[in-house]
mmCIF file of all heavy atoms, coordinates in Angstrom:
data_MODEL
# 
_entry.id   MODEL 
# 
loop_
_atom_site.group_PDB 
_atom_site.id 
_atom_site.type_symbol 
_atom_site.label_atom_id 
_atom_site.label_alt_id 
_atom_site.label_comp_id 
_atom_site.label_asym_id 
_atom_site.label_entity_id 
_atom_site.label_seq_id 
_atom_site.pdbx_PDB_ins_code 
_atom_site.Cartn_x 
_atom_site.Cartn_y 
_atom_site.Cartn_z 
_atom_site.occupancy 
_atom_site.B_iso_or_equiv 
_atom_site.pdbx_formal_charge 
_atom_site.auth_seq_id 
_atom_site.auth_comp_id 
_atom_site.auth_asym_id 
_atom_site.auth_atom_id 
_atom_site.pdbx_PDB_model_num 
ATOM 1   N N   . SER A 1 1  ? 0.829  -1.212 0.000  1.00 0.00 ? 1  SER A N   1 
ATOM 2   C CA  . SER A 1 1  ? 0.000  0.000  0.000  1.00 0.00 ? 1  SER A CA  1 
ATOM 3   C C   . SER A 1 1  ? 0.858  1.254  0.000  1.00 0.00 ? 1  SER A C   1 
ATOM 4   O O   . SER A 1 1  ? 0.632  2.184  0.777  1.00 0.00 ? 1  SER A O   1 
ATOM 5   C CB  . SER A 1 1  ? -0.930 -0.005 1.229  1.00 0.00 ? 1  SER A CB  1 
ATOM 6   O OG  . SER A 1 1  ? -1.749 -1.152 1.236  1.00 0.00 ? 1  SER A OG  1 
ATOM 7   N N   . LEU A 1 2  ? 1.820  1.270  -0.887 1.00 0.00 ? 2  LEU A N   1 
ATOM 8   C CA  . LEU A 1 2  ? 2.763  2.379  -0.917 1.00 0.00 ? 2  LEU A CA  1 
ATOM 9   C C   . LEU A 1 2  ? 2.079  3.684  -1.295 1.00 0.00 ? 2  LEU A C   1 
ATOM 10  O O   . LEU A 1 2  ? 1.125  3.709  -2.094 1.00 0.00 ? 2  LEU A O   1 
ATOM 11  C CB  . LEU A 1 2  ? 3.900  2.074  -1.879 1.00 0.00 ? 2  LEU A CB  1 
ATOM 12  C CG  . LEU A 1 2  ? 4.939  1.093  -1.319 1.00 0.00 ? 2  LEU A CG  1 
ATOM 13  C CD1 . LEU A 1 2  ? 5.778  0.483  -2.435 1.00 0.00 ? 2  LEU A CD1 1 
ATOM 14  C CD2 . LEU A 1 2  ? 5.829  1.791  -0.299 1.00 0.00 ? 2  LEU A CD2 1 
ATOM 15  N N   . LYS A 1 3  ? 2.593  4.758  -0.705 1.00 0.00 ? 3  LYS A N   1 
ATOM 16  C CA  . LYS A 1 3  ? 2.063  6.096  -0.924 1.00 0.00 ? 3  LYS A CA  1 
ATOM 17  C C   . LYS A 1 3  ? 3.168  6.986  -1.496 1.00 0.00 ? 3  LYS A C   1 
ATOM 18  O O   . LYS A 1 3  ? 4.351  6.722  -1.270 1.00 0.00 ? 3  LYS A O   1 
ATOM 19  C CB  . LYS A 1 3  ? 1.586  6.687  0.396  1.00 0.00 ? 3  LYS A CB  1 
ATOM 20  C CG  . LYS A 1 3  ? 0.567  5.843  1.135  1.00 0.00 ? 3  LYS A CG  1 
ATOM 21  C CD  . LYS A 1 3  ? 0.244  6.459  2.488  1.00 0.00 ? 3  LYS A CD  1 
ATOM 22  C CE  . LYS A 1 3  ? -0.755 5.617  3.259  1.00 0.00 ? 3  LYS A CE  1 
ATOM 23  N NZ  . LYS A 1 3  ? -1.065 6.214  4.592  1.00 0.00 ? 3  LYS A NZ  1 
ATOM 24  N N   . PRO A 1 4  ? 2.798  8.047  -2.188 1.00 0.00 ? 4  PRO A N   1 
ATOM 25  C CA  . PRO A 1 4  ? 3.838  8.955  -2.707 1.00 0.00 ? 4  PRO A CA  1 
ATOM 26  C C   . PRO A 1 4  ? 4.760  9.473  -1.606 1.00 0.00 ? 4  PRO A C   1 
ATOM 27  O O   . PRO A 1 4  ? 5.957  9.671  -1.852 1.00 0.00 ? 4  PRO A O   1 
ATOM 28  C CB  . PRO A 1 4  ? 3.018  10.078 -3.340 1.00 0.00 ? 4  PRO A CB  1 
ATOM 29  C CG  . PRO A 1 4  ? 1.753  9.411  -3.774 1.00 0.00 ? 4  PRO A CG  1 
ATOM 30  C CD  . PRO A 1 4  ? 1.468  8.397  -2.698 1.00 0.00 ? 4  PRO A CD  1 
ATOM 31  N N   . GLU A 1 5  ? 4.241  9.648  -0.411 1.00 0.00 ? 5  GLU A N   1 
ATOM 32  C CA  . GLU A 1 5  ? 5.078  10.143 0.687  1.00 0.00 ? 5  GLU A CA  1 
ATOM 33  C C   . GLU A 1 5  ? 6.075  9.107  1.202  1.00 0.00 ? 5  GLU A C   1 
ATOM 34  O O   . GLU A 1 5  ? 6.915  9.422  2.038  1.00 0.00 ? 5  GLU A O   1 
ATOM 35  C CB  . GLU A 1 5  ? 4.217  10.650 1.848  1.00 0.00 ? 5  GLU A CB  1 
ATOM 36  C CG  . GLU A 1 5  ? 3.159  9.687  2.323  1.00 0.00 ? 5  GLU A CG  1 
ATOM 37  C CD  . GLU A 1 5  ? 1.796  9.975  1.701  1.00 0.00 ? 5  GLU A CD  1 
ATOM 38  O OE1 . GLU A 1 5  ? 1.736  10.233 0.471  1.00 0.00 ? 5  GLU A OE1 1 
ATOM 39  O OE2 . GLU A 1 5  ? 0.798  9.920  2.448  1.00 0.00 ? 5  GLU A OE2 1 
ATOM 40  N N   . ASP A 1 6  ? 6.006  7.894  0.692  1.00 0.00 ? 6  ASP A N   1 
ATOM 41  C CA  . ASP A 1 6  ? 7.013  6.881  1.019  1.00 0.00 ? 6  ASP A CA  1 
ATOM 42  C C   . ASP A 1 6  ? 8.253  7.013  0.136  1.00 0.00 ? 6  ASP A C   1 
ATOM 43  O O   . ASP A 1 6  ? 9.247  6.319  0.349  1.00 0.00 ? 6  ASP A O   1 
ATOM 44  C CB  . ASP A 1 6  ? 6.441  5.470  0.851  1.00 0.00 ? 6  ASP A CB  1 
ATOM 45  C CG  . ASP A 1 6  ? 5.338  5.162  1.845  1.00 0.00 ? 6  ASP A CG  1 
ATOM 46  O OD1 . ASP A 1 6  ? 5.473  5.526  3.024  1.00 0.00 ? 6  ASP A OD1 1 
ATOM 47  O OD2 . ASP A 1 6  ? 4.344  4.536  1.429  1.00 0.00 ? 6  ASP A OD2 1 
ATOM 48  N N   . THR A 1 7  ? 8.198  7.895  -0.835 1.00 0.00 ? 7  THR A N   1 
ATOM 49  C CA  . THR A 1 7  ? 9.333  8.101  -1.731 1.00 0.00 ? 7  THR A CA  1 
ATOM 50  C C   . THR A 1 7  ? 10.543 8.595  -0.943 1.00 0.00 ? 7  THR A C   1 
ATOM 51  O O   . THR A 1 7  ? 10.464 9.585  -0.221 1.00 0.00 ? 7  THR A O   1 
ATOM 52  C CB  . THR A 1 7  ? 8.976  9.108  -2.829 1.00 0.00 ? 7  THR A CB  1 
ATOM 53  O OG1 . THR A 1 7  ? 7.954  8.553  -3.659 1.00 0.00 ? 7  THR A OG1 1 
ATOM 54  C CG2 . THR A 1 7  ? 10.191 9.447  -3.676 1.00 0.00 ? 7  THR A CG2 1 
ATOM 55  N N   . ALA A 1 8  ? 11.653 7.885  -1.072 1.00 0.00 ? 8  ALA A N   1 
ATOM 56  C CA  . ALA A 1 8  ? 12.871 8.216  -0.327 1.00 0.00 ? 8  ALA A CA  1 
ATOM 57  C C   . ALA A 1 8  ? 13.973 7.234  -0.718 1.00 0.00 ? 8  ALA A C   1 
ATOM 58  O O   . ALA A 1 8  ? 13.712 6.230  -1.386 1.00 0.00 ? 8  ALA A O   1 
ATOM 59  C CB  . ALA A 1 8  ? 12.629 8.140  1.178  1.00 0.00 ? 8  ALA A CB  1 
ATOM 60  N N   . VAL A 1 9  ? 15.166 7.534  -0.257 1.00 0.00 ? 9  VAL A N   1 
ATOM 61  C CA  . VAL A 1 9  ? 16.235 6.541  -0.285 1.00 0.00 ? 9  VAL A CA  1 
ATOM 62  C C   . VAL A 1 9  ? 16.127 5.749  1.015  1.00 0.00 ? 9  VAL A C   1 
ATOM 63  O O   . VAL A 1 9  ? 16.081 6.333  2.097  1.00 0.00 ? 9  VAL A O   1 
ATOM 64  C CB  . VAL A 1 9  ? 17.623 7.199  -0.402 1.00 0.00 ? 9  VAL A CB  1 
ATOM 65  C CG1 . VAL A 1 9  ? 18.717 6.133  -0.347 1.00 0.00 ? 9  VAL A CG1 1 
ATOM 66  C CG2 . VAL A 1 9  ? 17.720 8.002  -1.696 1.00 0.00 ? 9  VAL A CG2 1 
ATOM 67  N N   . TYR A 1 10 ? 16.076 4.438  0.881  1.00 0.00 ? 10 TYR A N   1 
ATOM 68  C CA  . TYR A 1 10 ? 15.939 3.565  2.043  1.00 0.00 ? 10 TYR A CA  1 
ATOM 69  C C   . TYR A 1 10 ? 17.291 2.950  2.386  1.00 0.00 ? 10 TYR A C   1 
ATOM 70  O O   . TYR A 1 10 ? 17.986 2.426  1.510  1.00 0.00 ? 10 TYR A O   1 
ATOM 71  C CB  . TYR A 1 10 ? 14.915 2.470  1.761  1.00 0.00 ? 10 TYR A CB  1 
ATOM 72  C CG  . TYR A 1 10 ? 13.496 2.970  1.845  1.00 0.00 ? 10 TYR A CG  1 
ATOM 73  C CD1 . TYR A 1 10 ? 12.984 3.841  0.890  1.00 0.00 ? 10 TYR A CD1 1 
ATOM 74  C CD2 . TYR A 1 10 ? 12.677 2.597  2.903  1.00 0.00 ? 10 TYR A CD2 1 
ATOM 75  C CE1 . TYR A 1 10 ? 11.689 4.327  0.986  1.00 0.00 ? 10 TYR A CE1 1 
ATOM 76  C CE2 . TYR A 1 10 ? 11.365 3.067  3.002  1.00 0.00 ? 10 TYR A CE2 1 
ATOM 77  C CZ  . TYR A 1 10 ? 10.891 3.932  2.044  1.00 0.00 ? 10 TYR A CZ  1 
ATOM 78  O OH  . TYR A 1 10 ? 9.600  4.411  2.143  1.00 0.00 ? 10 TYR A OH  1 
ATOM 79  N N   . TYR A 1 11 ? 17.633 3.035  3.665  1.00 0.00 ? 11 TYR A N   1 
ATOM 80  C CA  . TYR A 1 11 ? 18.910 2.541  4.153  1.00 0.00 ? 11 TYR A CA  1 
ATOM 81  C C   . TYR A 1 11 ? 18.713 1.414  5.152  1.00 0.00 ? 11 TYR A C   1 
ATOM 82  O O   . TYR A 1 11 ? 17.815 1.469  6.004  1.00 0.00 ? 11 TYR A O   1 
ATOM 83  C CB  . TYR A 1 11 ? 19.690 3.650  4.842  1.00 0.00 ? 11 TYR A CB  1 
ATOM 84  C CG  . TYR A 1 11 ? 20.069 4.803  3.960  1.00 0.00 ? 11 TYR A CG  1 
ATOM 85  C CD1 . TYR A 1 11 ? 19.234 5.899  3.816  1.00 0.00 ? 11 TYR A CD1 1 
ATOM 86  C CD2 . TYR A 1 11 ? 21.275 4.793  3.251  1.00 0.00 ? 11 TYR A CD2 1 
ATOM 87  C CE1 . TYR A 1 11 ? 19.580 6.969  3.004  1.00 0.00 ? 11 TYR A CE1 1 
ATOM 88  C CE2 . TYR A 1 11 ? 21.625 5.857  2.436  1.00 0.00 ? 11 TYR A CE2 1 
ATOM 89  C CZ  . TYR A 1 11 ? 20.779 6.937  2.325  1.00 0.00 ? 11 TYR A CZ  1 
ATOM 90  O OH  . TYR A 1 11 ? 21.132 7.989  1.512  1.00 0.00 ? 11 TYR A OH  1 
ATOM 91  N N   . CYS A 1 12 ? 19.583 0.450  5.063  1.00 0.00 ? 12 CYS A N   1 
ATOM 92  C CA  . CYS A 1 12 ? 19.671 -0.617 6.050  1.00 0.00 ? 12 CYS A CA  1 
ATOM 93  C C   . CYS A 1 12 ? 20.861 -0.301 6.956  1.00 0.00 ? 12 CYS A C   1 
ATOM 94  O O   . CYS A 1 12 ? 21.905 0.157  6.480  1.00 0.00 ? 12 CYS A O   1 
ATOM 95  C CB  . CYS A 1 12 ? 19.880 -1.947 5.332  1.00 0.00 ? 12 CYS A CB  1 
ATOM 96  S SG  . CYS A 1 12 ? 20.224 -3.341 6.401  1.00 0.00 ? 12 CYS A SG  1 
ATOM 97  N N   . ALA A 1 13 ? 20.700 -0.531 8.237  1.00 0.00 ? 13 ALA A N   1 
ATOM 98  C CA  . ALA A 1 13 ? 21.765 -0.252 9.193  1.00 0.00 ? 13 ALA A CA  1 
ATOM 99  C C   . ALA A 1 13 ? 21.850 -1.384 10.203 1.00 0.00 ? 13 ALA A C   1 
ATOM 100 O O   . ALA A 1 13 ? 20.849 -2.051 10.485 1.00 0.00 ? 13 ALA A O   1 
ATOM 101 C CB  . ALA A 1 13 ? 21.509 1.072  9.902  1.00 0.00 ? 13 ALA A CB  1 
ATOM 102 N N   . ALA A 1 14 ? 23.040 -1.598 10.745 1.00 0.00 ? 14 ALA A N   1 
ATOM 103 C CA  . ALA A 1 14 ? 23.232 -2.692 11.690 1.00 0.00 ? 14 ALA A CA  1 
ATOM 104 C C   . ALA A 1 14 ? 24.089 -2.252 12.870 1.00 0.00 ? 14 ALA A C   1 
ATOM 105 O O   . ALA A 1 14 ? 24.933 -1.363 12.750 1.00 0.00 ? 14 ALA A O   1 
ATOM 106 C CB  . ALA A 1 14 ? 23.885 -3.891 10.994 1.00 0.00 ? 14 ALA A CB  1 
ATOM 107 N N   . THR A 1 15 ? 23.852 -2.907 13.998 1.00 0.00 ? 15 THR A N   1 
ATOM 108 C CA  . THR A 1 15 ? 24.671 -2.707 15.190 1.00 0.00 ? 15 THR A CA  1 
ATOM 109 C C   . THR A 1 15 ? 24.789 -4.034 15.917 1.00 0.00 ? 15 THR A C   1 
ATOM 110 O O   . THR A 1 15 ? 23.837 -4.825 15.918 1.00 0.00 ? 15 THR A O   1 
ATOM 111 C CB  . THR A 1 15 ? 24.071 -1.650 16.125 1.00 0.00 ? 15 THR A CB  1 
ATOM 112 O OG1 . THR A 1 15 ? 24.855 -1.603 17.332 1.00 0.00 ? 15 THR A OG1 1 
ATOM 113 C CG2 . THR A 1 15 ? 22.632 -1.984 16.496 1.00 0.00 ? 15 THR A CG2 1 
ATOM 114 N N   . TYR A 1 16 ? 25.948 -4.272 16.525 1.00 0.00 ? 16 TYR A N   1 
ATOM 115 C CA  . TYR A 1 16 ? 26.127 -5.485 17.302 1.00 0.00 ? 16 TYR A CA  1 
ATOM 116 C C   . TYR A 1 16 ? 25.478 -5.372 18.676 1.00 0.00 ? 16 TYR A C   1 
ATOM 117 O O   . TYR A 1 16 ? 25.405 -6.348 19.411 1.00 0.00 ? 16 TYR A O   1 
ATOM 118 C CB  . TYR A 1 16 ? 27.608 -5.819 17.450 1.00 0.00 ? 16 TYR A CB  1 
ATOM 119 C CG  . TYR A 1 16 ? 28.227 -6.359 16.196 1.00 0.00 ? 16 TYR A CG  1 
ATOM 120 C CD1 . TYR A 1 16 ? 29.231 -5.672 15.537 1.00 0.00 ? 16 TYR A CD1 1 
ATOM 121 C CD2 . TYR A 1 16 ? 27.789 -7.571 15.652 1.00 0.00 ? 16 TYR A CD2 1 
ATOM 122 C CE1 . TYR A 1 16 ? 29.794 -6.163 14.368 1.00 0.00 ? 16 TYR A CE1 1 
ATOM 123 C CE2 . TYR A 1 16 ? 28.349 -8.075 14.488 1.00 0.00 ? 16 TYR A CE2 1 
ATOM 124 C CZ  . TYR A 1 16 ? 29.349 -7.365 13.852 1.00 0.00 ? 16 TYR A CZ  1 
ATOM 125 O OH  . TYR A 1 16 ? 29.902 -7.870 12.704 1.00 0.00 ? 16 TYR A OH  1 
ATOM 126 N N   . ARG A 1 17 ? 25.004 -4.209 19.008 1.00 0.00 ? 17 ARG A N   1 
ATOM 127 C CA  . ARG A 1 17 ? 24.335 -4.048 20.291 1.00 0.00 ? 17 ARG A CA  1 
ATOM 128 C C   . ARG A 1 17 ? 22.973 -4.716 20.243 1.00 0.00 ? 17 ARG A C   1 
ATOM 129 O O   . ARG A 1 17 ? 22.304 -4.744 19.209 1.00 0.00 ? 17 ARG A O   1 
ATOM 130 C CB  . ARG A 1 17 ? 24.212 -2.572 20.630 1.00 0.00 ? 17 ARG A CB  1 
ATOM 131 C CG  . ARG A 1 17 ? 25.568 -1.897 20.833 1.00 0.00 ? 17 ARG A CG  1 
ATOM 132 C CD  . ARG A 1 17 ? 25.412 -0.423 21.025 1.00 0.00 ? 17 ARG A CD  1 
ATOM 133 N NE  . ARG A 1 17 ? 24.623 -0.116 22.207 1.00 0.00 ? 17 ARG A NE  1 
ATOM 134 C CZ  . ARG A 1 17 ? 24.134 1.075  22.470 1.00 0.00 ? 17 ARG A CZ  1 
ATOM 135 N NH1 . ARG A 1 17 ? 24.349 2.077  21.640 1.00 0.00 ? 17 ARG A NH1 1 
ATOM 136 N NH2 . ARG A 1 17 ? 23.443 1.287  23.572 1.00 0.00 ? 17 ARG A NH2 1 
ATOM 137 N N   . ALA A 1 18 ? 22.572 -5.263 21.369 1.00 0.00 ? 18 ALA A N   1 
ATOM 138 C CA  . ALA A 1 18 ? 21.316 -5.997 21.437 1.00 0.00 ? 18 ALA A CA  1 
ATOM 139 C C   . ALA A 1 18 ? 20.127 -5.068 21.230 1.00 0.00 ? 18 ALA A C   1 
ATOM 140 O O   . ALA A 1 18 ? 20.142 -3.904 21.630 1.00 0.00 ? 18 ALA A O   1 
ATOM 141 C CB  . ALA A 1 18 ? 21.193 -6.704 22.783 1.00 0.00 ? 18 ALA A CB  1 
ATOM 142 N N   . TYR A 1 19 ? 19.102 -5.619 20.614 1.00 0.00 ? 19 TYR A N   1 
ATOM 143 C CA  . TYR A 1 19 ? 17.890 -4.869 20.300 1.00 0.00 ? 19 TYR A CA  1 
ATOM 144 C C   . TYR A 1 19 ? 17.325 -4.163 21.522 1.00 0.00 ? 19 TYR A C   1 
ATOM 145 O O   . TYR A 1 19 ? 16.915 -3.005 21.461 1.00 0.00 ? 19 TYR A O   1 
ATOM 146 C CB  . TYR A 1 19 ? 16.875 -5.862 19.730 1.00 0.00 ? 19 TYR A CB  1 
ATOM 147 C CG  . TYR A 1 19 ? 15.529 -5.280 19.405 1.00 0.00 ? 19 TYR A CG  1 
ATOM 148 C CD1 . TYR A 1 19 ? 15.295 -4.678 18.180 1.00 0.00 ? 19 TYR A CD1 1 
ATOM 149 C CD2 . TYR A 1 19 ? 14.477 -5.364 20.322 1.00 0.00 ? 19 TYR A CD2 1 
ATOM 150 C CE1 . TYR A 1 19 ? 14.052 -4.157 17.873 1.00 0.00 ? 19 TYR A CE1 1 
ATOM 151 C CE2 . TYR A 1 19 ? 13.239 -4.844 20.018 1.00 0.00 ? 19 TYR A CE2 1 
ATOM 152 C CZ  . TYR A 1 19 ? 13.033 -4.257 18.790 1.00 0.00 ? 19 TYR A CZ  1 
ATOM 153 O OH  . TYR A 1 19 ? 11.800 -3.735 18.499 1.00 0.00 ? 19 TYR A OH  1 
ATOM 154 N N   . GLY A 1 20 ? 17.310 -4.840 22.639 1.00 0.00 ? 20 GLY A N   1 
ATOM 155 C CA  . GLY A 1 20 ? 16.708 -4.267 23.835 1.00 0.00 ? 20 GLY A CA  1 
ATOM 156 C C   . GLY A 1 20 ? 17.556 -3.216 24.520 1.00 0.00 ? 20 GLY A C   1 
ATOM 157 O O   . GLY A 1 20 ? 17.093 -2.560 25.457 1.00 0.00 ? 20 GLY A O   1 
ATOM 158 N N   . SER A 1 21 ? 18.800 -3.025 24.035 1.00 0.00 ? 21 SER A N   1 
ATOM 159 C CA  . SER A 1 21 ? 19.704 -2.097 24.704 1.00 0.00 ? 21 SER A CA  1 
ATOM 160 C C   . SER A 1 21 ? 19.894 -0.801 23.930 1.00 0.00 ? 21 SER A C   1 
ATOM 161 O O   . SER A 1 21 ? 20.660 0.055  24.355 1.00 0.00 ? 21 SER A O   1 
ATOM 162 C CB  . SER A 1 21 ? 21.071 -2.755 24.912 1.00 0.00 ? 21 SER A CB  1 
ATOM 163 O OG  . SER A 1 21 ? 21.734 -2.917 23.668 1.00 0.00 ? 21 SER A OG  1 
ATOM 164 N N   . ILE A 1 22 ? 19.228 -0.657 22.803 1.00 0.00 ? 22 ILE A N   1 
ATOM 165 C CA  . ILE A 1 22 ? 19.425 0.546  22.002 1.00 0.00 ? 22 ILE A CA  1 
ATOM 166 C C   . ILE A 1 22 ? 18.099 1.276  21.806 1.00 0.00 ? 22 ILE A C   1 
ATOM 167 O O   . ILE A 1 22 ? 17.018 0.714  21.973 1.00 0.00 ? 22 ILE A O   1 
ATOM 168 C CB  . ILE A 1 22 ? 20.026 0.220  20.613 1.00 0.00 ? 22 ILE A CB  1 
ATOM 169 C CG1 . ILE A 1 22 ? 19.024 -0.579 19.760 1.00 0.00 ? 22 ILE A CG1 1 
ATOM 170 C CG2 . ILE A 1 22 ? 21.340 -0.530 20.760 1.00 0.00 ? 22 ILE A CG2 1 
ATOM 171 C CD1 . ILE A 1 22 ? 19.456 -0.713 18.307 1.00 0.00 ? 22 ILE A CD1 1 
ATOM 172 N N   . ARG A 1 23 ? 18.221 2.546  21.491 1.00 0.00 ? 23 ARG A N   1 
ATOM 173 C CA  . ARG A 1 23 ? 17.056 3.321  21.065 1.00 0.00 ? 23 ARG A CA  1 
ATOM 174 C C   . ARG A 1 23 ? 16.972 3.123  19.554 1.00 0.00 ? 23 ARG A C   1 
ATOM 175 O O   . ARG A 1 23 ? 17.579 3.877  18.791 1.00 0.00 ? 23 ARG A O   1 
ATOM 176 C CB  . ARG A 1 23 ? 17.223 4.772  21.485 1.00 0.00 ? 23 ARG A CB  1 
ATOM 177 C CG  . ARG A 1 23 ? 17.087 4.950  22.999 1.00 0.00 ? 23 ARG A CG  1 
ATOM 178 C CD  . ARG A 1 23 ? 17.622 6.279  23.455 1.00 0.00 ? 23 ARG A CD  1 
ATOM 179 N NE  . ARG A 1 23 ? 19.070 6.350  23.313 1.00 0.00 ? 23 ARG A NE  1 
ATOM 180 C CZ  . ARG A 1 23 ? 19.812 7.365  23.691 1.00 0.00 ? 23 ARG A CZ  1 
ATOM 181 N NH1 . ARG A 1 23 ? 19.234 8.429  24.253 1.00 0.00 ? 23 ARG A NH1 1 
ATOM 182 N NH2 . ARG A 1 23 ? 21.115 7.352  23.522 1.00 0.00 ? 23 ARG A NH2 1 
ATOM 183 N N   . TYR A 1 24 ? 16.257 2.098  19.148 1.00 0.00 ? 24 TYR A N   1 
ATOM 184 C CA  . TYR A 1 24 ? 16.299 1.571  17.784 1.00 0.00 ? 24 TYR A CA  1 
ATOM 185 C C   . TYR A 1 24 ? 15.872 2.593  16.743 1.00 0.00 ? 24 TYR A C   1 
ATOM 186 O O   . TYR A 1 24 ? 16.137 2.424  15.566 1.00 0.00 ? 24 TYR A O   1 
ATOM 187 C CB  . TYR A 1 24 ? 15.409 0.332  17.679 1.00 0.00 ? 24 TYR A CB  1 
ATOM 188 C CG  . TYR A 1 24 ? 14.028 0.546  18.228 1.00 0.00 ? 24 TYR A CG  1 
ATOM 189 C CD1 . TYR A 1 24 ? 13.055 1.197  17.500 1.00 0.00 ? 24 TYR A CD1 1 
ATOM 190 C CD2 . TYR A 1 24 ? 13.705 0.116  19.511 1.00 0.00 ? 24 TYR A CD2 1 
ATOM 191 C CE1 . TYR A 1 24 ? 11.804 1.420  18.020 1.00 0.00 ? 24 TYR A CE1 1 
ATOM 192 C CE2 . TYR A 1 24 ? 12.438 0.325  20.041 1.00 0.00 ? 24 TYR A CE2 1 
ATOM 193 C CZ  . TYR A 1 24 ? 11.497 0.986  19.291 1.00 0.00 ? 24 TYR A CZ  1 
ATOM 194 O OH  . TYR A 1 24 ? 10.249 1.218  19.816 1.00 0.00 ? 24 TYR A OH  1 
ATOM 195 N N   . HIS A 1 25 ? 15.195 3.651  17.149 1.00 0.00 ? 25 HIS A N   1 
ATOM 196 C CA  . HIS A 1 25 ? 14.680 4.614  16.192 1.00 0.00 ? 25 HIS A CA  1 
ATOM 197 C C   . HIS A 1 25 ? 15.675 5.740  15.905 1.00 0.00 ? 25 HIS A C   1 
ATOM 198 O O   . HIS A 1 25 ? 15.399 6.605  15.075 1.00 0.00 ? 25 HIS A O   1 
ATOM 199 C CB  . HIS A 1 25 ? 13.374 5.227  16.708 1.00 0.00 ? 25 HIS A CB  1 
ATOM 200 C CG  . HIS A 1 25 ? 13.533 5.991  17.988 1.00 0.00 ? 25 HIS A CG  1 
ATOM 201 N ND1 . HIS A 1 25 ? 13.774 5.372  19.200 1.00 0.00 ? 25 HIS A ND1 1 
ATOM 202 C CD2 . HIS A 1 25 ? 13.497 7.318  18.242 1.00 0.00 ? 25 HIS A CD2 1 
ATOM 203 C CE1 . HIS A 1 25 ? 13.868 6.276  20.140 1.00 0.00 ? 25 HIS A CE1 1 
ATOM 204 N NE2 . HIS A 1 25 ? 13.709 7.468  19.595 1.00 0.00 ? 25 HIS A NE2 1 
ATOM 205 N N   . LEU A 1 26 ? 16.837 5.711  16.575 1.00 0.00 ? 26 LEU A N   1 
ATOM 206 C CA  . LEU A 1 26 ? 17.817 6.773  16.389 1.00 0.00 ? 26 LEU A CA  1 
ATOM 207 C C   . LEU A 1 26 ? 18.956 6.317  15.492 1.00 0.00 ? 26 LEU A C   1 
ATOM 208 O O   . LEU A 1 26 ? 19.611 5.294  15.770 1.00 0.00 ? 26 LEU A O   1 
ATOM 209 C CB  . LEU A 1 26 ? 18.378 7.210  17.745 1.00 0.00 ? 26 LEU A CB  1 
ATOM 210 C CG  . LEU A 1 26 ? 17.355 7.836  18.687 1.00 0.00 ? 26 LEU A CG  1 
ATOM 211 C CD1 . LEU A 1 26 ? 17.988 8.154  20.027 1.00 0.00 ? 26 LEU A CD1 1 
ATOM 212 C CD2 . LEU A 1 26 ? 16.739 9.078  18.068 1.00 0.00 ? 26 LEU A CD2 1 
ATOM 213 N N   . PRO A 1 27 ? 19.250 7.032  14.416 1.00 0.00 ? 27 PRO A N   1 
ATOM 214 C CA  . PRO A 1 27 ? 20.300 6.603  13.478 1.00 0.00 ? 27 PRO A CA  1 
ATOM 215 C C   . PRO A 1 27 ? 21.662 6.391  14.130 1.00 0.00 ? 27 PRO A C   1 
ATOM 216 O O   . PRO A 1 27 ? 22.393 5.478  13.730 1.00 0.00 ? 27 PRO A O   1 
ATOM 217 C CB  . PRO A 1 27 ? 20.344 7.748  12.462 1.00 0.00 ? 27 PRO A CB  1 
ATOM 218 C CG  . PRO A 1 27 ? 18.977 8.350  12.490 1.00 0.00 ? 27 PRO A CG  1 
ATOM 219 C CD  . PRO A 1 27 ? 18.553 8.246  13.936 1.00 0.00 ? 27 PRO A CD  1 
ATOM 220 N N   . TYR A 1 28 ? 22.029 7.202  15.107 1.00 0.00 ? 28 TYR A N   1 
ATOM 221 C CA  . TYR A 1 28 ? 23.382 7.100  15.664 1.00 0.00 ? 28 TYR A CA  1 
ATOM 222 C C   . TYR A 1 28 ? 23.580 5.849  16.515 1.00 0.00 ? 28 TYR A C   1 
ATOM 223 O O   . TYR A 1 28 ? 24.710 5.553  16.907 1.00 0.00 ? 28 TYR A O   1 
ATOM 224 C CB  . TYR A 1 28 ? 23.754 8.355  16.449 1.00 0.00 ? 28 TYR A CB  1 
ATOM 225 C CG  . TYR A 1 28 ? 22.930 8.648  17.678 1.00 0.00 ? 28 TYR A CG  1 
ATOM 226 C CD1 . TYR A 1 28 ? 23.089 7.906  18.845 1.00 0.00 ? 28 TYR A CD1 1 
ATOM 227 C CD2 . TYR A 1 28 ? 22.018 9.688  17.693 1.00 0.00 ? 28 TYR A CD2 1 
ATOM 228 C CE1 . TYR A 1 28 ? 22.341 8.191  19.974 1.00 0.00 ? 28 TYR A CE1 1 
ATOM 229 C CE2 . TYR A 1 28 ? 21.257 9.975  18.817 1.00 0.00 ? 28 TYR A CE2 1 
ATOM 230 C CZ  . TYR A 1 28 ? 21.425 9.222  19.949 1.00 0.00 ? 28 TYR A CZ  1 
ATOM 231 O OH  . TYR A 1 28 ? 20.688 9.504  21.058 1.00 0.00 ? 28 TYR A OH  1 
# 
């Protein structure tokens, strides 16, 4: 159900830190 406002460059990012230990919504 893609919308025009979904237009963007999409990036994948990884960290070795555990999911529960990070603020997952912050790029840094």
